[in-house]
Amino acid sequence: MRIKHSHSVFGLVLGSLLVLVFYFAGALPLYYLAFPLSFYLALNVYGVLYPASSFFIPVISGNDRTDRVYLSFDDGPVAQSQLVLDWLKENNEKAIFFLIGNRVEQAPDIVRRIVAEGHLIGNHTFSHQNIFPLLNPGRIKKEIEDCQQVLPKPGTWFRPPFGVINPLVVSGIRQAGLKVMTWRRRSFDGVNTPREQVLKHLEKVKGGDIVLFHDTYPEIIDLLEEFKELILRKGLVFGDIHDLENQGSAEGLKRYR
């Protein structure tokens, strides 16, 4: 059984009550309350750092197919998204694009092409603020809803900026009625990261993994070509992202981290 946020809350309450009982019985000093609190905080940090753990909310990070990996792209649409779409079309592959709302407004033609060519789109908030998980619940909800409103074909998927999930983010996700898709393998394809270094992060890819890329990576096409060679050497192929869309709720999937 996976540890969930509700379990940590229960542990905090139960542990605190036990400490208070022993405190009033004269058996323990009050500072022992720090132990259940520390355990609770540690579990919450774990949930934030490992979003695929489904600690705060059920997420999809892949499936149990041993022969396929799935492509996902964050932070578009940008001009370079067209090159990614060209590559996907040439290779007859399907992916999911997690789009930033204010960029959707600036590049509607690219978004229409993503949808027309049979790819999935997901919500990546309206402005992708660096402090998104620290915003108040009202602003988190607005970021999600504003993005949902500008998507031409609002989907059911949400991916938070940087993958960070906490109770504040969960509230906004649930109010929007969205499901969360994270990843099992992250490319770490930052704008200035050498391609060779990115590929090292990808060498541990396994069947069933959702892999995170960014449209904005300057060498994205060369990276995709080399990644394709990598998975072929491992006996893997790219899977159709619709395989995940059609499998239903996150709770029904077998998830790994």
Protein backbone atom coordinates (compact mmCIF):
# COMPACT_ATOMS: atom_id res chain seq x y z
CA MET A 1 0.00 0.00 0.00
CA ARG A 2 1.31 3.43 -0.94
CA ILE A 3 1.62 6.01 1.82
CA LYS A 4 -0.76 8.89 1.14
CA HIS A 5 -1.11 12.39 2.55
CA SER A 6 -4.16 11.30 4.56
CA HIS A 7 -2.00 8.66 6.27
CA SER A 8 0.55 11.28 7.29
CA VAL A 9 -2.17 13.50 8.75
CA PHE A 10 -3.56 10.55 10.70
CA GLY A 11 -0.06 9.71 11.96
CA LEU A 12 0.51 13.31 13.03
CA VAL A 13 -2.76 13.46 14.96
CA LEU A 14 -2.34 10.05 16.56
CA GLY A 15 1.31 10.62 17.47
CA SER A 16 0.55 14.04 18.94
CA LEU A 17 -2.30 12.65 21.02
CA LEU A 18 -0.11 9.86 22.39
CA VAL A 19 2.61 12.34 23.33
CA LEU A 20 0.06 14.55 25.09
CA VAL A 21 -1.35 11.58 27.00
CA PHE A 22 2.10 10.60 28.24
CA TYR A 23 2.94 14.24 28.93
CA PHE A 24 -0.05 14.71 31.22
CA ALA A 25 0.76 11.36 32.84
CA GLY A 26 4.19 12.78 33.64
CA ALA A 27 6.00 10.20 31.51
CA LEU A 28 7.25 12.40 28.63
CA PRO A 29 8.37 16.01 28.20
CA LEU A 30 6.32 18.14 25.81
CA TYR A 31 9.14 18.55 23.30
CA TYR A 32 8.50 14.94 22.19
CA LEU A 33 5.75 16.49 20.03
CA ALA A 34 8.58 17.29 17.64
CA PHE A 35 8.82 13.62 16.62
CA PRO A 36 5.36 13.18 15.00
CA LEU A 37 5.63 16.68 13.54
CA SER A 38 9.04 15.90 12.01
CA PHE A 39 7.72 12.62 10.58
CA TYR A 40 4.75 14.43 9.06
CA LEU A 41 6.96 17.12 7.52
CA ALA A 42 9.38 14.52 6.15
CA LEU A 43 6.57 12.65 4.42
CA ASN A 44 5.26 15.89 2.91
CA VAL A 45 8.71 16.79 1.59
CA TYR A 46 8.88 13.32 0.04
CA GLY A 47 5.53 13.92 -1.67
CA VAL A 48 6.71 17.25 -3.07
CA LEU A 49 10.06 15.93 -4.32
CA TYR A 50 8.60 12.75 -5.85
CA PRO A 51 5.32 13.70 -7.55
CA ALA A 52 5.03 10.28 -9.20
CA SER A 53 4.62 8.77 -5.73
CA SER A 54 0.91 9.75 -5.77
CA PHE A 55 1.38 10.91 -2.18
CA PHE A 56 -0.99 13.88 -2.45
CA ILE A 57 -3.19 12.82 -5.37
CA PRO A 58 -3.27 9.87 -7.81
CA VAL A 59 -1.04 10.53 -10.81
CA ILE A 60 -0.13 8.75 -14.01
CA SER A 61 3.59 8.48 -14.69
CA GLY A 62 3.49 5.53 -17.09
CA ASN A 63 1.96 2.10 -17.44
CA ASP A 64 2.98 -1.56 -17.28
CA ARG A 65 3.93 -1.97 -20.95
CA THR A 66 7.46 -3.36 -21.00
CA ASP A 67 8.11 -2.55 -24.66
CA ARG A 68 7.02 1.08 -25.06
CA VAL A 69 7.93 4.55 -23.87
CA TYR A 70 5.72 7.63 -24.17
CA LEU A 71 6.64 11.14 -25.26
CA SER A 72 5.52 14.29 -23.47
CA PHE A 73 6.56 17.88 -24.11
CA ASP A 74 6.29 20.83 -21.73
CA ASP A 75 6.31 24.62 -21.98
CA GLY A 76 4.98 25.16 -25.51
CA PRO A 77 3.73 26.31 -27.80
CA VAL A 78 6.82 28.04 -29.16
CA ALA A 79 8.14 28.39 -32.71
CA GLN A 80 10.30 25.32 -32.21
CA SER A 81 7.19 23.26 -31.47
CA GLN A 82 6.68 23.18 -35.24
CA LEU A 83 9.94 21.26 -35.62
CA VAL A 84 8.83 18.78 -32.97
CA LEU A 85 5.53 18.30 -34.79
CA ASP A 86 7.39 17.78 -38.08
CA TRP A 87 9.54 15.11 -36.42
CA LEU A 88 6.56 13.35 -34.88
CA LYS A 89 4.76 13.36 -38.22
CA GLU A 90 7.77 11.96 -40.07
CA ASN A 91 8.10 9.20 -37.48
CA ASN A 92 4.34 8.56 -37.23
CA GLU A 93 4.37 9.07 -33.45
CA LYS A 94 1.87 10.63 -31.08
CA ALA A 95 2.68 12.66 -27.96
CA ILE A 96 1.09 14.91 -25.36
CA PHE A 97 1.92 18.60 -25.16
CA PHE A 98 1.47 20.39 -21.83
CA LEU A 99 0.81 23.97 -22.88
CA ILE A 100 1.23 27.29 -21.10
CA GLY A 101 -1.88 29.42 -21.46
CA ASN A 102 -0.29 32.77 -22.31
CA ARG A 103 1.79 31.06 -24.99
CA VAL A 104 -1.35 29.45 -26.40
CA GLU A 105 -2.75 32.96 -26.90
CA GLN A 106 0.41 33.96 -28.79
CA ALA A 107 0.59 30.88 -31.05
CA PRO A 108 -2.94 29.56 -31.68
CA ASP A 109 -1.99 28.15 -35.09
CA ILE A 110 0.56 25.82 -33.51
CA VAL A 111 -1.99 24.61 -30.99
CA ARG A 112 -4.52 23.94 -33.73
CA ARG A 113 -1.89 21.92 -35.57
CA ILE A 114 -1.12 19.88 -32.44
CA VAL A 115 -4.78 18.95 -32.15
CA ALA A 116 -5.31 18.42 -35.89
CA GLU A 117 -2.41 15.97 -36.09
CA GLY A 118 -3.88 13.79 -33.37
CA HIS A 119 -1.75 14.67 -30.36
CA LEU A 120 -3.09 15.22 -26.87
CA ILE A 121 -2.88 18.57 -25.10
CA GLY A 122 -2.71 19.20 -21.40
CA ASN A 123 -2.90 22.12 -18.98
CA HIS A 124 0.45 23.50 -17.75
CA THR A 125 -1.03 26.60 -16.05
CA PHE A 126 -1.57 29.98 -17.64
CA SER A 127 1.77 31.63 -16.89
CA HIS A 128 4.05 28.90 -15.44
CA GLN A 129 5.10 31.01 -12.46
CA ASN A 130 8.21 29.84 -10.63
CA ILE A 131 6.37 30.24 -7.33
CA PHE A 132 3.23 28.42 -8.54
CA PRO A 133 3.17 25.81 -5.72
CA LEU A 134 3.50 28.64 -3.16
CA LEU A 135 0.59 30.70 -4.47
CA ASN A 136 -2.59 30.93 -2.45
CA PRO A 137 -5.38 28.48 -3.41
CA GLY A 138 -7.38 31.16 -5.25
CA ARG A 139 -4.48 32.09 -7.51
CA ILE A 140 -3.59 28.44 -8.13
CA LYS A 141 -7.17 27.76 -9.16
CA LYS A 142 -7.16 30.81 -11.47
CA GLU A 143 -3.88 29.75 -13.12
CA ILE A 144 -5.36 26.35 -13.93
CA GLU A 145 -8.79 27.62 -15.01
CA ASP A 146 -7.38 30.46 -17.17
CA CYS A 147 -5.23 27.97 -19.06
CA GLN A 148 -8.15 25.59 -19.47
CA GLN A 149 -10.24 28.37 -21.00
CA VAL A 150 -7.74 29.19 -23.77
CA LEU A 151 -7.13 25.61 -24.85
CA PRO A 152 -9.04 24.95 -28.09
CA LYS A 153 -9.84 21.41 -27.00
CA PRO A 154 -9.69 21.35 -23.20
CA GLY A 155 -8.45 17.98 -22.10
CA THR A 156 -8.46 16.17 -18.81
CA TRP A 157 -4.73 16.25 -18.08
CA PHE A 158 -2.75 18.61 -15.89
CA ARG A 159 0.97 18.81 -15.22
CA PRO A 160 2.09 21.34 -12.59
CA PRO A 161 5.15 23.52 -13.27
CA PHE A 162 8.29 21.58 -12.28
CA GLY A 163 6.02 18.66 -11.36
CA VAL A 164 5.62 20.02 -7.83
CA ILE A 165 2.45 18.91 -6.05
CA ASN A 166 1.35 19.93 -2.57
CA PRO A 167 -2.03 20.25 -0.81
CA LEU A 168 -2.57 23.77 -2.20
CA VAL A 169 -2.02 22.56 -5.78
CA VAL A 170 -4.21 19.51 -5.21
CA SER A 171 -7.13 21.75 -4.25
CA GLY A 172 -6.94 23.61 -7.56
CA ILE A 173 -6.60 20.39 -9.56
CA ARG A 174 -9.65 18.85 -7.96
CA GLN A 175 -11.78 21.96 -8.41
CA ALA A 176 -10.88 21.95 -12.11
CA GLY A 177 -11.76 18.26 -12.40
CA LEU A 178 -8.43 17.34 -13.99
CA LYS A 179 -6.20 14.26 -13.78
CA VAL A 180 -2.46 14.56 -13.21
CA MET A 181 0.20 13.19 -15.52
CA THR A 182 3.83 13.37 -14.41
CA TRP A 183 6.70 11.25 -15.71
CA ARG A 184 9.01 8.42 -14.77
CA ARG A 185 12.00 9.65 -16.74
CA ARG A 186 13.00 13.28 -16.87
CA SER A 187 15.43 14.43 -19.55
CA PHE A 188 16.66 17.51 -17.65
CA ASP A 189 16.90 19.23 -21.03
CA GLY A 190 17.49 22.72 -19.70
CA VAL A 191 18.21 25.37 -22.29
CA ASN A 192 21.97 25.32 -21.64
CA THR A 193 22.40 21.61 -20.87
CA PRO A 194 24.73 19.78 -23.30
CA ARG A 195 22.95 17.11 -25.31
CA GLU A 196 25.38 14.43 -24.16
CA GLN A 197 24.50 15.17 -20.56
CA VAL A 198 20.77 15.02 -21.32
CA LEU A 199 21.20 11.62 -22.97
CA LYS A 200 22.93 10.31 -19.85
CA HIS A 201 19.80 11.11 -17.87
CA LEU A 202 17.77 9.17 -20.41
CA GLU A 203 19.90 6.02 -20.46
CA LYS A 204 17.89 4.47 -17.62
CA VAL A 205 14.61 4.65 -19.53
CA LYS A 206 12.44 1.53 -19.22
CA GLY A 207 9.33 0.21 -20.87
CA GLY A 208 6.16 1.95 -19.73
CA ASP A 209 7.92 5.22 -18.89
CA ILE A 210 6.47 8.61 -19.73
CA VAL A 211 9.46 10.75 -20.69
CA LEU A 212 9.57 14.51 -20.15
CA PHE A 213 11.04 16.75 -22.86
CA HIS A 214 10.71 20.48 -23.54
CA ASP A 215 9.80 22.10 -26.86
CA THR A 216 12.14 24.91 -25.88
CA TYR A 217 15.35 22.83 -25.87
CA PRO A 218 17.58 24.24 -28.66
CA GLU A 219 18.71 20.79 -29.85
CA ILE A 220 15.40 19.01 -29.39
CA ILE A 221 15.33 17.35 -32.84
CA ASP A 222 18.86 15.95 -32.57
CA LEU A 223 18.01 14.85 -29.05
CA LEU A 224 14.88 13.04 -30.21
CA GLU A 225 16.80 11.27 -32.98
CA GLU A 226 19.45 10.07 -30.54
CA PHE A 227 16.82 9.08 -28.00
CA LYS A 228 15.05 7.05 -30.66
CA GLU A 229 18.30 5.19 -31.36
CA LEU A 230 18.74 4.65 -27.62
CA ILE A 231 15.35 3.03 -27.09
CA LEU A 232 15.70 0.89 -30.21
CA ARG A 233 18.97 -0.50 -28.83
CA LYS A 234 17.02 -1.41 -25.69
CA GLY A 235 14.37 -3.21 -27.72
CA LEU A 236 11.79 -0.49 -27.05
CA VAL A 237 9.55 1.56 -29.30
CA PHE A 238 7.54 4.72 -28.86
CA GLY A 239 4.00 4.13 -27.66
CA ASP A 240 0.91 6.08 -28.64
CA ILE A 241 0.10 8.45 -25.79
CA HIS A 242 -3.57 7.65 -26.39
CA ASP A 243 -2.83 4.26 -24.79
CA LEU A 244 -2.69 6.13 -21.50
CA GLU A 245 -5.69 8.32 -22.30
CA ASN A 246 -7.79 5.25 -22.93
CA GLN A 247 -6.83 3.40 -19.78
CA GLY A 248 -9.19 5.42 -17.61
CA SER A 249 -8.60 6.81 -14.16
CA ALA A 250 -5.22 7.21 -12.53
CA GLU A 251 -6.28 4.85 -9.76
CA GLY A 252 -6.68 2.04 -12.27
CA LEU A 253 -3.14 2.23 -13.60
CA LYS A 254 -0.10 0.42 -12.37
CA ARG A 255 2.34 3.21 -11.52
CA TYR A 256 6.04 3.18 -10.94
CA ARG A 257 8.46 5.87 -9.99
